[in-house]
């Protein structure tokens, strides 16, 4: 039975985004080790595929995440939209960086995301604690594993095609 690679990749994209949202909603025993799963999956798909090149999809994902997490409406939408735009702007360079440089770029993107969300939180009158800044560090540490897992699943799908 032959599978359509385009359809299978879209299915993998949907499953990985749903898994990232579920991991975001799950309570972790230690809140310090909770990376921004949705952003990590978004970074992977913007770099590796063409589906998230439509920024309205990213904005919609951010609004959905705002609704599910109970944050200020538009907070995640704005930060994910800016992250996706920066990735699209520098996509051709970033894709071919060595892993350590890509991890550094992911850290900078996640830190930029936190700064944007901090700005929104300050406008809303909230001040986060120092633990707020652990997410970019943990996200950069988890990034190579997320990248390898999603890349391995995609390569197995491609092998099934042939």
C-alpha atoms as a PDB file:
ATOM      1  CA  UNK A   1       0.000   0.000   0.000  1.00  0.00           C
ATOM      2  CA  UNK A   2       1.524   3.332  -1.089  1.00  0.00           C
ATOM      3  CA  UNK A   3       1.171   6.368   1.130  1.00  0.00           C
ATOM      4  CA  UNK A   4       1.119   9.925  -0.081  1.00  0.00           C
ATOM      5  CA  UNK A   5       4.230  11.596   1.388  1.00  0.00           C
ATOM      6  CA  UNK A   6       2.624  15.024   1.427  1.00  0.00           C
ATOM      7  CA  UNK A   7      -0.406  13.706   3.302  1.00  0.00           C
ATOM      8  CA  UNK A   8       1.770  11.721   5.701  1.00  0.00           C
ATOM      9  CA  UNK A   9       3.932  14.757   6.451  1.00  0.00           C
ATOM     10  CA  UNK A  10       0.851  16.844   7.165  1.00  0.00           C
ATOM     11  CA  UNK A  11      -0.411  14.113   9.459  1.00  0.00           C
ATOM     12  CA  UNK A  12       2.943  14.049  11.254  1.00  0.00           C
ATOM     13  CA  UNK A  13       2.807  17.834  11.551  1.00  0.00           C
ATOM     14  CA  UNK A  14      -0.666  17.700  13.073  1.00  0.00           C
ATOM     15  CA  UNK A  15       0.271  14.890  15.471  1.00  0.00           C
ATOM     16  CA  UNK A  16       3.448  16.657  16.607  1.00  0.00           C
ATOM     17  CA  UNK A  17       1.587  19.939  17.202  1.00  0.00           C
ATOM     18  CA  UNK A  18      -1.143  18.135  19.159  1.00  0.00           C
ATOM     19  CA  UNK A  19       1.525  16.324  21.205  1.00  0.00           C
ATOM     20  CA  UNK A  20       3.291  19.640  21.891  1.00  0.00           C
ATOM     21  CA  UNK A  21       0.032  21.238  23.054  1.00  0.00           C
ATOM     22  CA  UNK A  22      -0.712  18.234  25.289  1.00  0.00           C
ATOM     23  CA  UNK A  23       2.806  18.380  26.789  1.00  0.00           C
ATOM     24  CA  UNK A  24       2.284  22.099  27.375  1.00  0.00           C
ATOM     25  CA  UNK A  25      -0.961  21.433  29.239  1.00  0.00           C
ATOM     26  CA  UNK A  26       0.417  18.562  31.339  1.00  0.00           C
ATOM     27  CA  UNK A  27       1.563  19.531  34.813  1.00  0.00           C
ATOM     28  CA  UNK A  28       5.240  18.793  35.321  1.00  0.00           C
ATOM     29  CA  UNK A  29       6.419  17.778  38.805  1.00  0.00           C
ATOM     30  CA  UNK A  30       9.201  20.341  38.628  1.00  0.00           C
ATOM     31  CA  UNK A  31       7.993  23.494  36.839  1.00  0.00           C
ATOM     32  CA  UNK A  32      11.582  24.553  36.153  1.00  0.00           C
ATOM     33  CA  UNK A  33      12.075  21.801  33.579  1.00  0.00           C
ATOM     34  CA  UNK A  34       9.099  22.609  31.369  1.00  0.00           C
ATOM     35  CA  UNK A  35      10.245  23.812  27.947  1.00  0.00           C
ATOM     36  CA  UNK A  36       8.039  25.663  25.497  1.00  0.00           C
ATOM     37  CA  UNK A  37       7.056  22.553  23.524  1.00  0.00           C
ATOM     38  CA  UNK A  38       4.895  24.323  20.968  1.00  0.00           C
ATOM     39  CA  UNK A  39       7.706  26.692  20.055  1.00  0.00           C
ATOM     40  CA  UNK A  40      10.186  23.829  19.648  1.00  0.00           C
ATOM     41  CA  UNK A  41       7.848  21.954  17.305  1.00  0.00           C
ATOM     42  CA  UNK A  42       7.095  25.175  15.435  1.00  0.00           C
ATOM     43  CA  UNK A  43      10.817  25.850  14.960  1.00  0.00           C
ATOM     44  CA  UNK A  44      11.334  22.372  13.551  1.00  0.00           C
ATOM     45  CA  UNK A  45       8.464  22.575  11.073  1.00  0.00           C
ATOM     46  CA  UNK A  46       9.254  26.091   9.885  1.00  0.00           C
ATOM     47  CA  UNK A  47      12.827  25.032   9.192  1.00  0.00           C
ATOM     48  CA  UNK A  48      12.094  21.647   7.650  1.00  0.00           C
ATOM     49  CA  UNK A  49       8.765  21.920   5.833  1.00  0.00           C
ATOM     50  CA  UNK A  50       6.626  24.460   4.059  1.00  0.00           C
ATOM     51  CA  UNK A  51       3.374  24.106   6.001  1.00  0.00           C
ATOM     52  CA  UNK A  52       3.994  26.764   8.639  1.00  0.00           C
ATOM     53  CA  UNK A  53       5.078  29.358   6.120  1.00  0.00           C
ATOM     54  CA  UNK A  54       1.579  30.734   6.227  1.00  0.00           C
ATOM     55  CA  UNK A  55       1.738  33.005   9.241  1.00  0.00           C
ATOM     56  CA  UNK A  56      -2.012  32.926   9.847  1.00  0.00           C
ATOM     57  CA  UNK A  57      -1.669  29.244  10.793  1.00  0.00           C
ATOM     58  CA  UNK A  58       0.962  30.187  13.370  1.00  0.00           C
ATOM     59  CA  UNK A  59      -1.226  32.982  14.681  1.00  0.00           C
ATOM     60  CA  UNK A  60      -4.191  30.598  14.970  1.00  0.00           C
ATOM     61  CA  UNK A  61      -2.040  28.077  16.836  1.00  0.00           C
ATOM     62  CA  UNK A  62      -0.989  30.835  19.235  1.00  0.00           C
ATOM     63  CA  UNK A  63      -4.598  31.880  19.844  1.00  0.00           C
ATOM     64  CA  UNK A  64      -5.554  28.255  20.495  1.00  0.00           C
ATOM     65  CA  UNK A  65      -2.677  27.965  22.952  1.00  0.00           C
ATOM     66  CA  UNK A  66      -3.845  31.175  24.670  1.00  0.00           C
ATOM     67  CA  UNK A  67      -7.336  29.750  25.063  1.00  0.00           C
ATOM     68  CA  UNK A  68      -6.116  26.399  26.380  1.00  0.00           C
ATOM     69  CA  UNK A  69      -3.569  27.781  28.842  1.00  0.00           C
ATOM     70  CA  UNK A  70      -5.694  30.672  30.085  1.00  0.00           C
ATOM     71  CA  UNK A  71      -3.099  33.327  29.321  1.00  0.00           C
ATOM     72  CA  UNK A  72      -3.814  36.814  28.065  1.00  0.00           C
ATOM     73  CA  UNK A  73      -5.530  36.452  24.684  1.00  0.00           C
ATOM     74  CA  UNK A  74      -2.937  37.072  21.973  1.00  0.00           C
ATOM     75  CA  UNK A  75       0.134  36.625  24.155  1.00  0.00           C
ATOM     76  CA  UNK A  76       1.322  33.354  22.625  1.00  0.00           C
ATOM     77  CA  UNK A  77      -0.064  34.307  19.223  1.00  0.00           C
ATOM     78  CA  UNK A  78       2.140  37.407  19.077  1.00  0.00           C
ATOM     79  CA  UNK A  79       5.276  35.674  20.298  1.00  0.00           C
ATOM     80  CA  UNK A  80       4.883  32.633  18.018  1.00  0.00           C
ATOM     81  CA  UNK A  81       4.120  34.878  15.052  1.00  0.00           C
ATOM     82  CA  UNK A  82       7.293  36.906  15.557  1.00  0.00           C
ATOM     83  CA  UNK A  83       9.318  33.709  16.083  1.00  0.00           C
ATOM     84  CA  UNK A  84       7.982  32.193  12.852  1.00  0.00           C
ATOM     85  CA  UNK A  85       8.642  35.411  10.946  1.00  0.00           C
ATOM     86  CA  UNK A  86      12.262  35.530  12.141  1.00  0.00           C
ATOM     87  CA  UNK A  87      12.708  31.878  11.220  1.00  0.00           C
ATOM     88  CA  UNK A  88      11.268  32.426   7.760  1.00  0.00           C
ATOM     89  CA  UNK A  89      13.485  35.454   7.275  1.00  0.00           C
ATOM     90  CA  UNK A  90      16.690  33.536   8.074  1.00  0.00           C
ATOM     91  CA  UNK A  91      15.536  30.010   7.180  1.00  0.00           C
ATOM     92  CA  UNK A  92      18.047  29.407   4.387  1.00  0.00           C
ATOM     93  CA  UNK A  93      20.966  30.160   6.700  1.00  0.00           C
ATOM     94  CA  UNK A  94      19.742  28.438   9.837  1.00  0.00           C
ATOM     95  CA  UNK A  95      18.900  25.126   8.152  1.00  0.00           C
ATOM     96  CA  UNK A  96      22.541  24.448   7.330  1.00  0.00           C
ATOM     97  CA  UNK A  97      24.141  25.478  10.609  1.00  0.00           C
ATOM     98  CA  UNK A  98      25.925  22.789  12.610  1.00  0.00           C
ATOM     99  CA  UNK A  99      23.886  21.408  15.533  1.00  0.00           C
ATOM    100  CA  UNK A 100      25.605  23.488  18.219  1.00  0.00           C
ATOM    101  CA  UNK A 101      24.923  26.720  16.310  1.00  0.00           C
ATOM    102  CA  UNK A 102      21.328  25.715  15.653  1.00  0.00           C
ATOM    103  CA  UNK A 103      20.904  25.063  19.378  1.00  0.00           C
ATOM    104  CA  UNK A 104      22.257  28.538  20.103  1.00  0.00           C
ATOM    105  CA  UNK A 105      19.816  30.030  17.581  1.00  0.00           C
ATOM    106  CA  UNK A 106      16.958  28.124  19.224  1.00  0.00           C
ATOM    107  CA  UNK A 107      18.035  29.481  22.617  1.00  0.00           C
ATOM    108  CA  UNK A 108      18.063  33.042  21.231  1.00  0.00           C
ATOM    109  CA  UNK A 109      14.633  32.566  19.650  1.00  0.00           C
ATOM    110  CA  UNK A 110      13.195  31.195  22.899  1.00  0.00           C
ATOM    111  CA  UNK A 111      14.802  34.016  24.902  1.00  0.00           C
ATOM    112  CA  UNK A 112      13.355  36.555  22.450  1.00  0.00           C
ATOM    113  CA  UNK A 113       9.989  34.862  22.916  1.00  0.00           C
ATOM    114  CA  UNK A 114      10.275  35.265  26.686  1.00  0.00           C
ATOM    115  CA  UNK A 115      11.176  38.949  26.316  1.00  0.00           C
ATOM    116  CA  UNK A 116       8.108  39.533  24.119  1.00  0.00           C
ATOM    117  CA  UNK A 117       5.865  37.692  26.570  1.00  0.00           C
ATOM    118  CA  UNK A 118       7.436  39.617  29.456  1.00  0.00           C
ATOM    119  CA  UNK A 119       6.520  42.849  27.708  1.00  0.00           C
ATOM    120  CA  UNK A 120       2.907  41.707  27.376  1.00  0.00           C
ATOM    121  CA  UNK A 121       2.846  40.587  31.024  1.00  0.00           C
ATOM    122  CA  UNK A 122       4.208  43.959  32.180  1.00  0.00           C
ATOM    123  CA  UNK A 123       1.485  45.728  30.212  1.00  0.00           C
ATOM    124  CA  UNK A 124      -1.036  43.511  32.025  1.00  0.00           C
ATOM    125  CA  UNK A 125       0.521  44.403  35.393  1.00  0.00           C
ATOM    126  CA  UNK A 126       2.118  41.021  36.107  1.00  0.00           C
ATOM    127  CA  UNK A 127       5.737  40.421  37.065  1.00  0.00           C
ATOM    128  CA  UNK A 128       7.080  36.854  36.668  1.00  0.00           C
ATOM    129  CA  UNK A 129       9.673  35.278  38.947  1.00  0.00           C
ATOM    130  CA  UNK A 130      13.198  34.184  38.005  1.00  0.00           C
ATOM    131  CA  UNK A 131      11.850  30.722  37.112  1.00  0.00           C
ATOM    132  CA  UNK A 132      10.230  32.338  34.084  1.00  0.00           C
ATOM    133  CA  UNK A 133      13.676  32.495  32.433  1.00  0.00           C
ATOM    134  CA  UNK A 134      14.408  28.755  32.784  1.00  0.00           C
ATOM    135  CA  UNK A 135      12.230  27.778  29.811  1.00  0.00           C
ATOM    136  CA  UNK A 136      14.660  29.015  27.110  1.00  0.00           C
ATOM    137  CA  UNK A 137      17.561  27.204  28.778  1.00  0.00           C
ATOM    138  CA  UNK A 138      15.631  23.942  29.102  1.00  0.00           C
ATOM    139  CA  UNK A 139      14.228  24.356  25.588  1.00  0.00           C
ATOM    140  CA  UNK A 140      17.712  24.742  24.120  1.00  0.00           C
ATOM    141  CA  UNK A 141      18.839  21.650  26.027  1.00  0.00           C
ATOM    142  CA  UNK A 142      15.884  19.620  24.731  1.00  0.00           C
ATOM    143  CA  UNK A 143      16.060  20.974  21.152  1.00  0.00           C
ATOM    144  CA  UNK A 144      18.576  18.443  19.739  1.00  0.00           C
ATOM    145  CA  UNK A 145      16.394  15.565  20.960  1.00  0.00           C
ATOM    146  CA  UNK A 146      13.205  17.092  19.542  1.00  0.00           C
ATOM    147  CA  UNK A 147      14.938  17.704  16.230  1.00  0.00           C
ATOM    148  CA  UNK A 148      16.353  14.188  16.051  1.00  0.00           C
ATOM    149  CA  UNK A 149      13.049  12.548  17.013  1.00  0.00           C
ATOM    150  CA  UNK A 150      10.970  14.437  14.450  1.00  0.00           C
ATOM    151  CA  UNK A 151      13.644  14.041  11.781  1.00  0.00           C
ATOM    152  CA  UNK A 152      13.876  10.296  12.375  1.00  0.00           C
ATOM    153  CA  UNK A 153      10.109   9.894  12.109  1.00  0.00           C
ATOM    154  CA  UNK A 154      10.081  11.897   8.858  1.00  0.00           C
ATOM    155  CA  UNK A 155      12.931   9.856   7.396  1.00  0.00           C
ATOM    156  CA  UNK A 156      11.143   6.591   8.250  1.00  0.00           C
ATOM    157  CA  UNK A 157       8.069   7.896   6.450  1.00  0.00           C
ATOM    158  CA  UNK A 158      10.191   8.714   3.407  1.00  0.00           C
ATOM    159  CA  UNK A 159      11.735   5.216   3.456  1.00  0.00           C
ATOM    160  CA  UNK A 160       8.271   3.701   3.555  1.00  0.00           C
ATOM    161  CA  UNK A 161       7.476   5.671   0.394  1.00  0.00           C
ATOM    162  CA  UNK A 162      10.296   4.052  -1.551  1.00  0.00           C
END
